[in-house]
Amino acid sequence: MGIPYSTKVNQRLIGQAILNESHLVGIVGVATYTSSQISLVEVPQGPAPAVTITGSGGPYTEITSGSPVGGQFLVNYTTGVITFNSFQNGNTVLVSYTGLGSEIAAQDVDEVQNPLNSIMSLNLTYVSPFTSATATWTLSNNIVVTSLNGIQDAVTLAAGSNITITPSGHTLIIASTGGGATPGGANGSVQFNVLGTSLGGDVAHFYWDSTNFRLGLTTGTTPISTLDNAGSLGLPSRTVTATSSASATDYSILADATTGPINIPLPIASTVTRRIYDIKKIDSTANAVTVQATGGDLIDGSSTFPMSVQWQSVTIQSNGTNWFII
């Protein structure tokens, strides 16, 4: 709102010259829009004409009565409010006058305006032909949370399953109402989802020894090896009829060299430490099936291991440096 001067608490006994007091036409008091008006910090000393104005939209001339047109302005020597033609809205003017004091001291205005300016800023947009304006206040950075994961303005936090959200003063307490399912089965049981309602384990068929870090399959008791399987074991098998490299998904490679010799290049041993391949020639032709080491590796001291007899096979394993027949 505008600053009223009906009671001049800080009235000066002797007027003081005030030079080039800056104002934006349309802003009255502390950043409040009133079309075609400004409000001086102090009440000007009369009689009229006693106020000088320069700035954009000029030249300016003081009148003592009537409605201002063009660059004319009318001064209220009781309130300190100056009225212009509405065409001057948005123009910056410099006002010089003799001040008699104000109802509110400058430091009192600063106590309100300075903290306000530190947390937000005003953007005033005038609407042509400057008969009205739109004021937009913007919060400064690092003052409040204005966006949450890209969501702005009003944000609703919705509690999901087994979650509670409880306001407590300026704190939101987010808690889980469930502690998780109770483990099932005997000691050493690996836990499984049972019909989506509980956890369960079958230690006789899937046993984890957390002391020695061993896993038992159908052992029925504590496993005695890192992987202890007392049941059947399925491993991948692939048949090839042309040269094909041993891959990460291979175990048994059945080579049919009926149409011509076949090479089986191995991975570099240092990249597949402990890997095992079982390679077998299954055709009756004289075409060779040759297992080839790569990257300078050796297979029991040789760069290749050829097989020319049907049903001949070799099982090899990497020790991280070379390949060895086992």
Protein backbone atom coordinates (compact mmCIF):
# COMPACT_ATOMS: atom_id res chain seq x y z
CA MET A 1 0.00 0.00 0.00
CA GLY A 2 1.04 3.67 -0.26
CA ILE A 3 2.75 5.47 2.60
CA PRO A 4 0.21 7.80 4.33
CA TYR A 5 1.49 11.15 5.59
CA SER A 6 -1.49 12.36 7.61
CA THR A 7 0.69 12.38 10.73
CA LYS A 8 4.30 13.40 10.12
CA VAL A 9 6.01 11.77 13.09
CA ASN A 10 9.47 12.64 11.80
CA GLN A 11 8.60 16.13 10.66
CA ARG A 12 11.62 18.33 10.02
CA LEU A 13 11.78 21.76 11.60
CA ILE A 14 13.77 22.96 8.62
CA GLY A 15 13.17 21.54 5.17
CA GLN A 16 15.97 19.57 3.56
CA ALA A 17 16.79 19.59 -0.14
CA ILE A 18 16.28 16.19 -1.76
CA LEU A 19 17.79 15.80 -5.23
CA ASN A 20 16.95 13.27 -7.94
CA GLU A 21 14.89 10.87 -5.85
CA SER A 22 14.26 7.97 -8.27
CA HIS A 23 10.78 6.54 -8.83
CA LEU A 24 9.02 4.27 -11.30
CA VAL A 25 5.68 5.77 -12.30
CA GLY A 26 2.94 3.42 -11.15
CA ILE A 27 4.82 2.20 -8.05
CA VAL A 28 3.66 3.67 -4.76
CA GLY A 29 5.29 2.99 -1.41
CA VAL A 30 7.06 -0.35 -1.12
CA ALA A 31 6.68 -1.81 -4.64
CA THR A 32 2.89 -1.47 -4.76
CA TYR A 33 1.27 -0.67 -8.10
CA THR A 34 -1.06 2.29 -8.41
CA SER A 35 -1.60 3.56 -11.94
CA SER A 36 -0.05 6.94 -12.82
CA GLN A 37 1.20 7.69 -9.28
CA ILE A 38 4.36 7.76 -7.21
CA SER A 39 4.76 8.40 -3.47
CA LEU A 40 7.68 10.51 -2.32
CA VAL A 41 9.78 9.39 0.63
CA GLU A 42 9.12 12.72 2.35
CA VAL A 43 6.31 15.27 2.19
CA PRO A 44 7.38 18.11 -0.10
CA GLN A 45 7.42 21.71 1.09
CA GLY A 46 5.09 24.06 -0.80
CA PRO A 47 3.62 26.19 -2.04
CA ALA A 48 3.23 24.82 -5.55
CA PRO A 49 4.98 24.71 -7.89
CA ALA A 50 7.90 23.53 -5.76
CA VAL A 51 8.75 20.08 -7.21
CA THR A 52 11.01 19.46 -10.20
CA ILE A 53 10.88 16.23 -12.20
CA THR A 54 13.15 14.97 -14.97
CA GLY A 55 13.55 11.59 -16.62
CA SER A 56 12.02 9.42 -19.31
CA GLY A 57 8.69 10.59 -20.67
CA GLY A 58 9.55 14.27 -20.05
CA PRO A 59 9.80 17.18 -20.15
CA TYR A 60 7.65 17.46 -17.01
CA THR A 61 5.64 20.45 -15.79
CA GLU A 62 3.88 20.82 -12.42
CA ILE A 63 0.24 21.92 -12.44
CA THR A 64 -1.74 23.01 -9.39
CA SER A 65 -5.13 21.64 -10.34
CA GLY A 66 -6.99 19.54 -12.89
CA SER A 67 -5.97 16.25 -14.51
CA PRO A 68 -2.44 15.89 -15.89
CA VAL A 69 -1.95 15.46 -19.62
CA GLY A 70 1.27 14.76 -21.51
CA GLY A 71 4.20 15.59 -19.24
CA GLN A 72 2.14 17.36 -16.58
CA PHE A 73 2.02 16.22 -12.94
CA LEU A 74 0.00 17.16 -9.88
CA VAL A 75 1.57 17.17 -6.38
CA ASN A 76 -0.36 16.50 -3.15
CA TYR A 77 1.62 18.56 -0.59
CA THR A 78 -0.15 16.82 2.26
CA THR A 79 0.53 13.17 1.37
CA GLY A 80 3.54 13.40 -0.94
CA VAL A 81 1.71 11.56 -3.71
CA ILE A 82 2.36 12.78 -7.26
CA THR A 83 -0.10 12.03 -10.05
CA PHE A 84 0.85 11.81 -13.74
CA ASN A 85 -1.02 11.06 -16.91
CA SER A 86 -1.44 7.26 -17.12
CA PHE A 87 0.61 7.34 -20.33
CA GLN A 88 3.69 7.81 -18.08
CA ASN A 89 3.28 4.43 -16.33
CA GLY A 90 6.56 2.52 -16.41
CA ASN A 91 8.77 5.56 -16.88
CA THR A 92 11.62 6.24 -14.44
CA VAL A 93 11.62 9.80 -13.10
CA LEU A 94 13.98 11.79 -10.86
CA VAL A 95 12.25 14.07 -8.36
CA SER A 96 13.89 17.05 -6.62
CA TYR A 97 12.12 18.89 -3.78
CA THR A 98 12.47 20.21 -0.24
CA GLY A 99 11.48 17.47 2.19
CA LEU A 100 9.64 18.09 5.45
CA GLY A 101 9.97 14.55 6.81
CA SER A 102 7.78 11.51 6.61
CA GLU A 103 5.48 9.51 8.78
CA ILE A 104 7.76 6.50 8.41
CA ALA A 105 11.53 6.99 8.67
CA ALA A 106 13.69 5.67 5.88
CA GLN A 107 15.33 3.10 8.15
CA ASP A 108 11.91 1.78 9.11
CA VAL A 109 11.07 1.23 5.44
CA ASP A 110 14.44 -0.51 4.97
CA GLU A 111 13.67 -2.88 7.82
CA VAL A 112 10.70 -4.13 5.79
CA GLN A 113 12.03 -3.76 2.27
CA ASN A 114 15.59 -5.10 2.65
CA PRO A 115 14.62 -8.50 4.13
CA LEU A 116 11.90 -8.75 1.47
CA ASN A 117 14.41 -8.05 -1.28
CA SER A 118 16.74 -10.71 0.11
CA ILE A 119 14.20 -13.52 -0.33
CA MET A 120 12.22 -12.46 -3.39
CA SER A 121 12.22 -10.11 -6.35
CA LEU A 122 9.48 -8.19 -8.16
CA ASN A 123 8.93 -8.19 -11.90
CA LEU A 124 6.40 -5.58 -13.02
CA THR A 125 4.92 -5.94 -16.51
CA TYR A 126 2.90 -3.03 -17.82
CA VAL A 127 -0.11 -3.68 -20.04
CA SER A 128 -0.38 -1.39 -23.06
CA PRO A 129 -1.40 1.45 -23.07
CA PHE A 130 0.03 1.46 -19.51
CA THR A 131 -3.28 1.66 -17.71
CA SER A 132 -2.56 -1.45 -15.64
CA ALA A 133 0.32 -3.73 -14.67
CA THR A 134 0.94 -7.31 -13.60
CA ALA A 135 3.26 -7.86 -10.65
CA THR A 136 5.12 -11.18 -10.37
CA TRP A 137 7.02 -12.04 -7.20
CA THR A 138 9.79 -14.63 -7.54
CA LEU A 139 11.45 -16.38 -4.60
CA SER A 140 15.22 -16.18 -4.54
CA ASN A 141 17.30 -19.35 -4.84
CA ASN A 142 18.05 -21.49 -1.77
CA ILE A 143 15.15 -20.05 0.23
CA VAL A 144 12.51 -22.78 0.02
CA VAL A 145 12.00 -26.02 -1.89
CA THR A 146 10.23 -25.04 -5.11
CA SER A 147 10.52 -28.33 -6.98
CA LEU A 148 10.50 -31.98 -5.90
CA ASN A 149 11.73 -34.43 -8.55
CA GLY A 150 10.53 -32.01 -11.21
CA ILE A 151 7.11 -31.49 -9.56
CA GLN A 152 6.31 -27.86 -8.70
CA ASP A 153 3.75 -25.99 -6.65
CA ALA A 154 1.51 -28.23 -4.52
CA VAL A 155 3.04 -31.70 -4.08
CA THR A 156 1.20 -34.61 -2.47
CA LEU A 157 3.18 -37.41 -0.84
CA ALA A 158 1.20 -40.64 -1.02
CA ALA A 159 2.07 -43.56 1.22
CA GLY A 160 2.52 -46.87 -0.54
CA SER A 161 1.93 -50.36 0.82
CA ASN A 162 3.15 -50.78 4.42
CA ILE A 163 4.30 -47.12 4.51
CA THR A 164 3.06 -44.34 6.80
CA ILE A 165 3.65 -40.59 6.46
CA THR A 166 3.10 -38.60 9.66
CA PRO A 167 3.50 -34.78 9.86
CA SER A 168 5.22 -33.59 13.04
CA GLY A 169 5.73 -29.83 13.09
CA HIS A 170 7.96 -29.04 10.11
CA THR A 171 9.01 -32.70 9.81
CA LEU A 172 7.52 -35.56 7.81
CA ILE A 173 8.11 -38.93 9.44
CA ILE A 174 8.14 -41.69 6.81
CA ALA A 175 8.07 -45.17 8.29
CA SER A 176 7.40 -48.76 7.31
CA THR A 177 4.65 -50.55 9.15
CA GLY A 178 6.05 -53.99 8.27
CA GLY A 179 9.35 -55.54 9.31
CA GLY A 180 9.57 -58.03 6.45
CA ALA A 181 8.66 -61.69 6.44
CA THR A 182 10.03 -64.07 9.06
CA PRO A 183 12.65 -66.47 7.64
CA GLY A 184 11.40 -70.02 7.19
CA GLY A 185 13.06 -73.43 7.35
CA ALA A 186 16.00 -74.78 9.32
CA ASN A 187 19.38 -73.13 9.83
CA GLY A 188 21.21 -72.83 6.48
CA SER A 189 18.02 -72.60 4.40
CA VAL A 190 18.18 -70.26 1.45
CA GLN A 191 14.98 -68.18 1.48
CA PHE A 192 12.38 -68.32 -1.30
CA ASN A 193 9.13 -66.48 -1.97
CA VAL A 194 6.33 -68.88 -1.04
CA LEU A 195 3.20 -68.09 -3.04
CA GLY A 196 3.85 -64.37 -2.55
CA THR A 197 2.80 -64.55 1.11
CA SER A 198 5.84 -65.70 3.07
CA LEU A 199 9.46 -66.84 2.99
CA GLY A 200 10.49 -70.46 3.17
CA GLY A 201 13.51 -72.71 2.73
CA ASP A 202 14.32 -76.36 1.93
CA VAL A 203 17.64 -77.14 3.60
CA ALA A 204 17.62 -80.75 2.34
CA HIS A 205 17.81 -79.57 -1.27
CA PHE A 206 19.38 -76.09 -1.09
CA TYR A 207 21.79 -75.53 1.80
CA TRP A 208 24.06 -72.52 2.34
CA ASP A 209 26.99 -72.89 4.75
CA SER A 210 27.66 -69.26 5.72
CA THR A 211 30.69 -70.24 7.84
CA ASN A 212 32.67 -71.93 5.07
CA PHE A 213 30.85 -70.28 2.16
CA ARG A 214 29.69 -73.54 0.58
CA LEU A 215 26.49 -74.35 -1.29
CA GLY A 216 24.91 -77.78 -1.16
CA LEU A 217 22.39 -79.09 -3.70
CA THR A 218 20.32 -82.03 -2.48
CA THR A 219 23.09 -82.88 0.00
CA GLY A 220 20.66 -83.06 2.91
CA THR A 221 23.44 -81.87 5.22
CA THR A 222 26.30 -79.38 5.43
CA PRO A 223 28.11 -79.25 2.04
CA ILE A 224 31.73 -80.41 2.04
CA SER A 225 32.80 -78.59 -1.14
CA THR A 226 32.35 -75.01 -2.38
CA LEU A 227 29.62 -76.38 -4.66
CA ASP A 228 28.44 -79.77 -3.45
CA ASN A 229 25.88 -81.42 -5.74
CA ALA A 230 24.36 -84.75 -4.74
CA GLY A 231 21.98 -84.77 -7.70
CA SER A 232 22.15 -84.69 -11.49
CA LEU A 233 23.96 -81.92 -13.35
CA GLY A 234 23.04 -80.40 -16.69
CA LEU A 235 25.66 -78.59 -18.79
CA PRO A 236 25.33 -77.00 -22.24
CA SER A 237 26.18 -78.96 -25.41
CA ARG A 238 26.59 -77.51 -28.91
CA THR A 239 27.19 -79.20 -32.29
CA VAL A 240 29.29 -77.38 -34.90
CA THR A 241 29.91 -78.24 -38.56
CA ALA A 242 32.40 -75.45 -39.31
CA THR A 243 35.08 -73.49 -37.51
CA SER A 244 33.63 -71.93 -34.37
CA SER A 245 35.21 -70.32 -31.31
CA ALA A 246 34.55 -71.70 -27.84
CA SER A 247 32.29 -69.19 -26.08
CA ALA A 248 31.23 -68.20 -22.58
CA THR A 249 28.06 -70.32 -22.91
CA ASP A 250 29.81 -73.52 -24.07
CA TYR A 251 30.80 -76.60 -22.17
CA SER A 252 30.60 -79.60 -24.53
CA ILE A 253 31.37 -78.90 -28.20
CA LEU A 254 30.57 -81.72 -30.63
CA ALA A 255 32.48 -81.16 -33.88
CA ASP A 256 31.20 -82.71 -37.11
CA ALA A 257 33.96 -82.29 -39.73
CA THR A 258 32.18 -84.22 -42.50
CA THR A 259 32.33 -81.32 -44.95
CA GLY A 260 35.84 -80.17 -44.08
CA PRO A 261 38.38 -79.53 -41.31
CA ILE A 262 37.19 -77.56 -38.29
CA ASN A 263 39.14 -75.29 -35.94
CA ILE A 264 37.96 -74.56 -32.40
CA PRO A 265 39.81 -71.41 -31.20
CA LEU A 266 39.92 -71.01 -27.40
CA PRO A 267 39.58 -67.76 -25.42
CA ILE A 268 42.78 -66.30 -23.99
CA ALA A 269 43.39 -68.31 -20.82
CA SER A 270 43.98 -65.27 -18.60
CA THR A 271 40.46 -64.00 -19.32
CA VAL A 272 38.67 -67.23 -18.36
CA THR A 273 40.52 -68.64 -15.35
CA ARG A 274 39.06 -72.03 -14.22
CA ARG A 275 36.88 -72.49 -17.32
CA ILE A 276 36.53 -76.04 -18.67
CA TYR A 277 35.71 -77.19 -22.21
CA ASP A 278 35.00 -80.73 -23.41
CA ILE A 279 35.52 -81.01 -27.20
CA LYS A 280 34.78 -84.16 -29.24
CA LYS A 281 35.09 -85.20 -32.91
CA ILE A 282 31.92 -87.06 -33.88
CA ASP A 283 32.34 -87.74 -37.63
CA SER A 284 34.17 -90.66 -39.30
CA THR A 285 36.05 -88.67 -41.96
CA ALA A 286 39.79 -88.00 -41.92
CA ASN A 287 39.12 -84.26 -41.63
CA ALA A 288 40.81 -82.94 -38.51
CA VAL A 289 39.16 -81.12 -35.64
CA THR A 290 41.83 -78.84 -34.19
CA VAL A 291 41.60 -77.10 -30.83
CA GLN A 292 43.64 -73.90 -31.07
CA ALA A 293 45.14 -71.83 -28.24
CA THR A 294 45.20 -68.05 -28.88
CA GLY A 295 47.15 -65.04 -27.67
CA GLY A 296 50.35 -67.04 -27.25
CA ASP A 297 48.70 -69.60 -24.92
CA LEU A 298 49.61 -73.28 -24.97
CA ILE A 299 47.67 -76.52 -24.52
CA ASP A 300 49.91 -78.86 -22.51
CA GLY A 301 52.87 -77.08 -24.08
CA SER A 302 51.55 -77.01 -27.66
CA SER A 303 49.67 -74.30 -29.53
CA THR A 304 47.15 -76.82 -30.95
CA PHE A 305 45.53 -80.12 -30.17
CA PRO A 306 44.42 -81.93 -33.36
CA MET A 307 41.92 -84.81 -33.42
CA SER A 308 41.53 -86.99 -36.56
CA VAL A 309 39.81 -90.12 -35.18
CA GLN A 310 36.05 -90.41 -34.68
CA TRP A 311 34.95 -90.19 -31.04
CA GLN A 312 38.28 -88.71 -29.97
CA SER A 313 37.81 -86.01 -27.34
CA VAL A 314 39.75 -83.71 -25.04
CA THR A 315 38.80 -81.95 -21.81
CA ILE A 316 40.82 -78.83 -21.09
CA GLN A 317 40.86 -76.22 -18.32
CA SER A 318 42.42 -72.76 -17.96
CA ASN A 319 44.64 -72.02 -14.96
CA GLY A 320 44.69 -68.33 -15.87
CA THR A 321 47.94 -68.61 -17.83
CA ASN A 322 47.55 -71.59 -20.23
CA TRP A 323 45.27 -74.50 -21.04
CA PHE A 324 45.78 -77.98 -19.64
CA ILE A 325 44.32 -81.38 -20.58
CA ILE A 326 42.60 -82.91 -17.58
